[in-house]
Amino acid sequence: YLISDVALDPYTTHGHDGLVCSETGKVLNDETIEVLVQMSLLQAKAGFDCIGPSDMMDGRVRRIREALDENNYKDVSIISYTAKYASAFYGPFRDALESAPKSGDKKTYQMNPANKREALLEAELDYTEGADFLMVKPATVYLDIIHELKQNFPIPIAAYHVSGEYAMLRAAGNNGWIDYQKCLNETLLSIHRAGADVVITYGAKDYASNQ
């Protein structure tokens, strides 16, 4: 089962998840969505079973769902990055991809870590627009958000255990401060216990090989 990632930050020189106005520096929501739709169709054509828009543009789930249906990809699912917070835990990933914003930040389209109610609003929008999964990102410092979504929506809830969360466990294990494998298992269990039906983690192979 193949899940894609749909966003522009791996391909832009400025590091943002969408097209940026050269005059104002603002991310262009609607123009970005049209590019995301084309990316989604190409990924569906390539054989992905599930499309994962991680960009946080408003309205993109509806447009992607419509485009997939219109092009005979009705069986391709959408796992929406619904509550993606403007987090400090993405650092290792951004360093590896060199995708950190060259100017400004992503707080205009990613969510404020202090805002809990917005997660429910974003989830309601994505659900009504046709998402098949709702995702919370990061995971361990947003267990309350995972729980809220699980309690309020009848579709699977996913959680993304991101690079910084994983790197802390790995680094502490490498230094002998914790038992890495046991702490990884306990961390993933806590994410599931909070309500996640699906957990995405950099430690997936380590977890699977020790079960």
Protein backbone atom coordinates (compact mmCIF):
# COMPACT_ATOMS: atom_id res chain seq x y z
CA TYR A 1 0.00 0.00 0.00
CA LEU A 2 1.72 3.16 -1.23
CA ILE A 3 1.08 6.58 0.32
CA SER A 4 2.41 9.72 -1.35
CA ASP A 5 3.32 13.16 -0.10
CA VAL A 6 1.93 16.13 -2.01
CA ALA A 7 3.54 19.52 -1.34
CA LEU A 8 5.88 21.92 -3.09
CA ASP A 9 8.55 22.48 -0.45
CA PRO A 10 10.92 19.76 -1.77
CA TYR A 11 10.98 21.55 -5.12
CA THR A 12 10.96 25.25 -4.29
CA THR A 13 14.05 27.40 -3.77
CA HIS A 14 12.28 29.34 -1.00
CA GLY A 15 11.32 26.23 1.00
CA HIS A 16 7.62 26.97 1.33
CA ASP A 17 4.85 24.45 0.67
CA GLY A 18 3.26 26.58 -2.02
CA LEU A 19 3.80 29.17 -4.68
CA VAL A 20 4.95 32.51 -3.30
CA CYS A 21 4.11 35.97 -4.64
CA SER A 22 7.37 37.63 -5.65
CA GLU A 23 6.09 41.07 -4.65
CA THR A 24 4.49 40.39 -1.26
CA GLY A 25 6.19 37.15 -0.19
CA LYS A 26 2.80 35.65 0.64
CA VAL A 27 1.96 32.03 -0.17
CA LEU A 28 -0.67 31.86 -2.93
CA ASN A 29 -3.32 29.42 -1.71
CA ASP A 30 -5.56 28.97 -4.75
CA GLU A 31 -2.75 28.96 -7.32
CA THR A 32 -0.90 26.37 -5.26
CA ILE A 33 -3.92 24.08 -5.16
CA GLU A 34 -3.95 23.80 -8.95
CA VAL A 35 -0.36 22.57 -8.90
CA LEU A 36 -1.17 20.13 -6.09
CA VAL A 37 -4.02 18.72 -8.17
CA GLN A 38 -1.65 18.02 -11.05
CA MET A 39 0.85 16.41 -8.68
CA SER A 40 -1.90 14.23 -7.21
CA LEU A 41 -3.04 13.04 -10.62
CA LEU A 42 0.52 12.17 -11.62
CA GLN A 43 1.01 10.22 -8.41
CA ALA A 44 -2.27 8.36 -8.87
CA LYS A 45 -1.24 7.51 -12.42
CA ALA A 46 2.12 6.25 -11.13
CA GLY A 47 0.30 3.79 -8.88
CA PHE A 48 -0.09 5.35 -5.45
CA ASP A 49 -3.00 3.97 -3.45
CA CYS A 50 -3.35 7.02 -1.22
CA ILE A 51 -2.57 10.70 -1.79
CA GLY A 52 -1.16 12.67 1.15
CA PRO A 53 -1.47 16.46 0.77
CA SER A 54 0.85 17.86 3.46
CA ASP A 55 0.77 21.50 2.34
CA MET A 56 -2.07 22.85 4.52
CA MET A 57 -3.62 24.97 1.76
CA ASP A 58 -7.30 25.67 2.35
CA GLY A 59 -9.68 23.72 0.13
CA ARG A 60 -7.15 21.39 -1.45
CA VAL A 61 -8.83 18.15 -0.31
CA ARG A 62 -12.02 18.96 -2.22
CA ARG A 63 -10.17 19.87 -5.41
CA ILE A 64 -7.95 16.78 -5.27
CA ARG A 65 -10.94 14.51 -4.59
CA GLU A 66 -12.86 16.01 -7.50
CA ALA A 67 -9.90 15.66 -9.85
CA LEU A 68 -9.25 12.05 -8.84
CA ASP A 69 -12.90 11.12 -9.35
CA GLU A 70 -13.10 12.91 -12.69
CA ASN A 71 -10.03 11.02 -13.94
CA ASN A 72 -11.20 7.53 -12.92
CA TYR A 73 -9.14 7.34 -9.73
CA LYS A 74 -12.13 6.94 -7.44
CA ASP A 75 -10.41 4.15 -5.49
CA VAL A 76 -7.41 6.32 -4.63
CA SER A 77 -7.74 7.53 -1.05
CA ILE A 78 -6.72 10.83 0.55
CA ILE A 79 -4.87 10.97 3.86
CA SER A 80 -5.09 14.63 4.74
CA TYR A 81 -2.50 16.36 6.89
CA THR A 82 -5.37 17.94 8.79
CA ALA A 83 -3.82 19.28 11.98
CA LYS A 84 -0.25 20.00 10.90
CA TYR A 85 1.28 22.31 13.45
CA ALA A 86 4.04 24.88 12.91
CA SER A 87 6.35 22.74 15.00
CA ALA A 88 10.02 22.86 15.99
CA PHE A 89 10.18 19.06 15.66
CA TYR A 90 10.59 19.01 11.86
CA GLY A 91 14.25 20.07 12.06
CA PRO A 92 16.07 16.84 11.05
CA PHE A 93 13.79 16.35 8.05
CA ARG A 94 14.23 19.92 6.86
CA ASP A 95 18.00 19.68 7.28
CA ALA A 96 18.14 16.48 5.22
CA LEU A 97 15.90 17.91 2.49
CA GLU A 98 17.26 21.46 2.72
CA SER A 99 13.64 22.60 2.74
CA ALA A 100 13.61 25.07 5.62
CA PRO A 101 12.06 28.39 4.54
CA LYS A 102 14.68 30.80 3.24
CA SER A 103 12.54 33.72 4.40
CA GLY A 104 9.53 34.07 6.67
CA ASP A 105 8.05 30.95 8.26
CA LYS A 106 5.19 28.51 7.77
CA LYS A 107 2.95 29.89 10.50
CA THR A 108 0.61 31.54 8.00
CA TYR A 109 -0.62 28.15 6.76
CA GLN A 110 0.47 25.63 9.40
CA MET A 111 -1.33 25.68 12.74
CA ASN A 112 -0.53 27.54 15.93
CA PRO A 113 0.61 24.97 18.55
CA ALA A 114 -1.48 26.80 21.17
CA ASN A 115 -4.72 26.48 19.18
CA LYS A 116 -6.79 23.37 19.89
CA ARG A 117 -10.13 24.49 18.47
CA GLU A 118 -8.68 25.12 15.02
CA ALA A 119 -7.83 21.42 14.75
CA LEU A 120 -11.52 20.54 14.98
CA LEU A 121 -12.40 23.17 12.39
CA GLU A 122 -9.74 21.93 9.96
CA ALA A 123 -10.84 18.34 10.54
CA GLU A 124 -14.48 19.19 9.83
CA LEU A 125 -13.50 20.89 6.58
CA ASP A 126 -11.29 18.01 5.41
CA TYR A 127 -13.90 15.44 6.37
CA THR A 128 -16.67 17.17 4.44
CA GLU A 129 -14.34 17.74 1.47
CA GLY A 130 -13.74 14.00 1.11
CA ALA A 131 -10.69 12.98 3.15
CA ASP A 132 -10.49 9.27 3.97
CA PHE A 133 -8.02 9.72 6.85
CA LEU A 134 -7.39 12.72 9.12
CA MET A 135 -3.79 13.17 10.26
CA VAL A 136 -2.23 14.95 13.23
CA LYS A 137 1.40 16.04 12.94
CA PRO A 138 3.56 15.87 15.11
CA ALA A 139 2.28 13.09 17.35
CA THR A 140 3.60 12.79 20.89
CA VAL A 141 3.20 16.45 21.86
CA TYR A 142 -0.29 16.52 20.32
CA LEU A 143 -1.86 13.42 21.86
CA ASP A 144 -4.80 15.54 23.03
CA ILE A 145 -5.51 16.56 19.42
CA ILE A 146 -5.38 12.94 18.26
CA HIS A 147 -7.89 12.09 20.99
CA GLU A 148 -10.22 14.97 20.03
CA LEU A 149 -10.31 13.92 16.39
CA LYS A 150 -10.88 10.28 17.31
CA GLN A 151 -13.85 11.27 19.48
CA ASN A 152 -15.45 13.48 16.85
CA PHE A 153 -14.98 11.85 13.43
CA PRO A 154 -16.02 8.43 12.07
CA ILE A 155 -13.01 7.89 9.80
CA PRO A 156 -9.49 6.61 10.64
CA ILE A 157 -7.20 9.00 12.50
CA ALA A 158 -3.51 8.99 11.57
CA ALA A 159 -0.57 10.44 13.48
CA TYR A 160 2.86 11.35 12.15
CA HIS A 161 5.71 10.64 14.60
CA VAL A 162 8.06 13.13 12.97
CA SER A 163 11.82 13.35 12.51
CA GLY A 164 12.57 15.39 15.64
CA GLU A 165 10.51 13.09 17.84
CA TYR A 166 12.27 10.04 16.44
CA ALA A 167 15.73 11.65 16.52
CA MET A 168 15.45 12.40 20.23
CA LEU A 169 14.79 8.74 21.00
CA ARG A 170 17.59 7.57 18.72
CA ALA A 171 20.11 10.08 20.08
CA ALA A 172 19.28 9.28 23.70
CA GLY A 173 19.54 5.58 22.93
CA ASN A 174 22.90 6.02 21.20
CA ASN A 175 24.18 7.85 24.28
CA GLY A 176 23.03 5.09 26.61
CA TRP A 177 20.53 7.30 28.43
CA ILE A 178 17.49 5.19 27.54
CA ASP A 179 16.67 1.77 26.07
CA TYR A 180 15.85 2.96 22.56
CA GLN A 181 13.71 -0.01 21.53
CA LYS A 182 11.61 -0.08 24.69
CA CYS A 183 11.08 3.69 24.61
CA LEU A 184 10.15 3.58 20.92
CA ASN A 185 7.59 0.85 21.61
CA GLU A 186 6.14 2.80 24.53
CA THR A 187 5.99 6.01 22.50
CA LEU A 188 4.13 4.39 19.62
CA LEU A 189 1.78 2.69 22.09
CA SER A 190 0.93 6.07 23.61
CA ILE A 191 0.08 7.46 20.17
CA HIS A 192 -2.20 4.52 19.47
CA ARG A 193 -3.74 4.72 22.94
CA ALA A 194 -4.61 8.39 22.32
CA GLY A 195 -6.71 7.29 19.34
CA ALA A 196 -4.50 6.93 16.28
CA ASP A 197 -5.56 4.11 13.98
CA VAL A 198 -2.51 4.67 11.79
CA VAL A 199 0.95 5.73 12.96
CA ILE A 200 3.66 6.90 10.58
CA THR A 201 7.14 6.86 12.13
CA TYR A 202 10.80 6.83 11.15
CA GLY A 203 11.14 3.94 13.59
CA ALA A 204 8.71 1.67 11.74
CA LYS A 205 11.30 -0.91 10.70
CA ASP A 206 12.86 -0.98 14.17
CA TYR A 207 9.44 -1.50 15.71
CA ALA A 208 8.41 -4.20 13.23
CA SER A 209 11.65 -6.15 13.59
CA ASN A 210 11.22 -6.45 17.35
CA GLN A 211 7.65 -7.71 17.52
